[in-house]
Each structure stands twice: as C-alpha cells, then as structure tokens.
C-alpha cells in the first residue's frame, strides 16, 4: 500500500520504524496506555503475535528506539527525511 502510494505520486518511500527494544519496558508502557480509543488497547499477547508476523522493510529505513531521548529521535528523523526526501531545484519558487 505505501509503496504504491509513493509511486503513484512520484515520491520516494521514506520509512521510519519506531521500536521499543526492551520487552519489559515495552510491556509496561503498553499496559499503562490509554489513548481513549473506541476499541480496547491491544495487550502484550497481540504485540507478540504481530512480532511473529512482522516482515522487515526491504527498503533502506531508519530505525528509532523509543528508549532514546525524544529530542534525539526527532532530530534523527528530521535528518533522515531531509537526506532521503524530495529535493527541490530551488528553495524560492517566486
């Protein structure tokens, strides 16, 4: 779906994968999460199921660990998008 959407619009697909590398912290964050959804939050069992089904991105991508400081992850994401996103021929179009 994402590949087709990028291709349709003539854009590069930029993938940023966000993970929590410590399973205990991941489970604790999950159990205390309440986003106010109309459906129940997924439990740890569902996360484990999805992990077993996960297919790694074949494209180059940035992997961010949510255990890192948010300002570091934001800076890395912005830098990655700047380095891999569309390049404009001119900053000023006027």
Protein backbone atom coordinates (compact mmCIF):
# COMPACT_ATOMS: atom_id res chain seq x y z
CA UNK A 1 0.00 0.00 0.00
CA UNK A 2 2.69 2.55 0.99
CA UNK A 3 4.93 1.64 -1.92
CA UNK A 4 2.06 2.03 -4.39
CA UNK A 5 1.03 5.38 -2.89
CA UNK A 6 4.57 6.77 -3.15
CA UNK A 7 4.89 5.50 -6.72
CA UNK A 8 1.50 6.96 -7.69
CA UNK A 9 2.65 10.41 -6.59
CA UNK A 10 6.19 10.08 -7.94
CA UNK A 11 7.75 10.25 -4.50
CA UNK A 12 10.37 8.25 -2.67
CA UNK A 13 9.11 5.98 0.07
CA UNK A 14 10.69 7.11 3.34
CA UNK A 15 10.34 4.53 6.09
CA UNK A 16 10.92 5.27 9.75
CA UNK A 17 10.45 2.30 12.05
CA UNK A 18 9.86 3.03 15.74
CA UNK A 19 10.55 0.26 18.23
CA UNK A 20 10.98 -0.29 21.96
CA UNK A 21 13.99 -2.58 22.29
CA UNK A 22 13.43 -3.60 25.91
CA UNK A 23 10.48 -6.05 26.07
CA UNK A 24 9.81 -5.38 29.76
CA UNK A 25 9.57 -1.63 29.24
CA UNK A 26 7.52 -2.17 26.09
CA UNK A 27 5.03 -4.35 28.00
CA UNK A 28 4.84 -1.86 30.88
CA UNK A 29 4.19 1.05 28.50
CA UNK A 30 1.55 -0.95 26.71
CA UNK A 31 -0.27 -1.96 29.89
CA UNK A 32 -0.48 1.66 31.09
CA UNK A 33 -1.52 3.11 27.72
CA UNK A 34 -4.99 4.57 27.29
CA UNK A 35 -5.50 6.52 24.08
CA UNK A 36 -9.25 6.77 24.53
CA UNK A 37 -9.98 4.52 21.57
CA UNK A 38 -13.44 3.12 20.91
CA UNK A 39 -11.84 -0.34 20.99
CA UNK A 40 -9.72 -1.95 23.66
CA UNK A 41 -5.98 -1.33 23.63
CA UNK A 42 -4.03 -4.32 22.34
CA UNK A 43 -2.45 -6.46 25.02
CA UNK A 44 1.07 -7.83 25.16
CA UNK A 45 -0.12 -11.09 23.61
CA UNK A 46 -1.19 -9.19 20.48
CA UNK A 47 2.17 -7.43 20.29
CA UNK A 48 3.91 -10.81 20.42
CA UNK A 49 1.63 -12.14 17.66
CA UNK A 50 2.36 -9.13 15.47
CA UNK A 51 6.07 -9.52 16.15
CA UNK A 52 5.92 -13.10 14.89
CA UNK A 53 4.16 -11.89 11.71
CA UNK A 54 6.48 -8.90 11.16
CA UNK A 55 8.27 -8.74 7.85
CA UNK A 56 11.23 -6.37 7.86
CA UNK A 57 11.19 -3.48 5.43
CA UNK A 58 13.30 -4.37 2.39
CA UNK A 59 13.86 -0.70 1.62
CA UNK A 60 16.52 1.30 3.40
CA UNK A 61 14.95 2.75 6.52
CA UNK A 62 15.66 4.49 9.78
CA UNK A 63 15.02 2.52 12.96
CA UNK A 64 14.37 4.61 16.05
CA UNK A 65 14.35 3.20 19.57
CA UNK A 66 11.70 4.80 21.79
CA UNK A 67 14.03 4.31 24.75
CA UNK A 68 16.27 7.05 23.34
CA UNK A 69 15.53 10.68 24.28
CA UNK A 70 12.72 12.06 22.14
CA UNK A 71 14.73 15.09 21.04
CA UNK A 72 17.45 12.78 19.68
CA UNK A 73 14.89 10.65 17.81
CA UNK A 74 13.16 13.73 16.37
CA UNK A 75 16.50 15.13 15.19
CA UNK A 76 17.44 11.80 13.60
CA UNK A 77 14.02 11.53 11.87
CA UNK A 78 14.19 15.08 10.52
CA UNK A 79 17.72 14.50 9.26
CA UNK A 80 16.73 11.23 7.63
CA UNK A 81 13.77 12.77 5.84
CA UNK A 82 15.91 15.73 4.73
CA UNK A 83 18.54 13.35 3.33
CA UNK A 84 16.08 10.98 1.63
CA UNK A 85 13.10 13.15 0.71
CA UNK A 86 12.33 15.01 -2.48
CA UNK A 87 14.84 17.62 -3.47
CA UNK A 88 13.56 20.95 -4.73
CA UNK A 89 15.51 22.62 -7.52
CA UNK A 90 15.02 25.98 -5.89
CA UNK A 91 14.11 26.97 -2.35
CA UNK A 92 12.37 30.06 -3.70
CA UNK A 93 9.75 29.47 -6.34
CA UNK A 94 8.83 33.15 -6.65
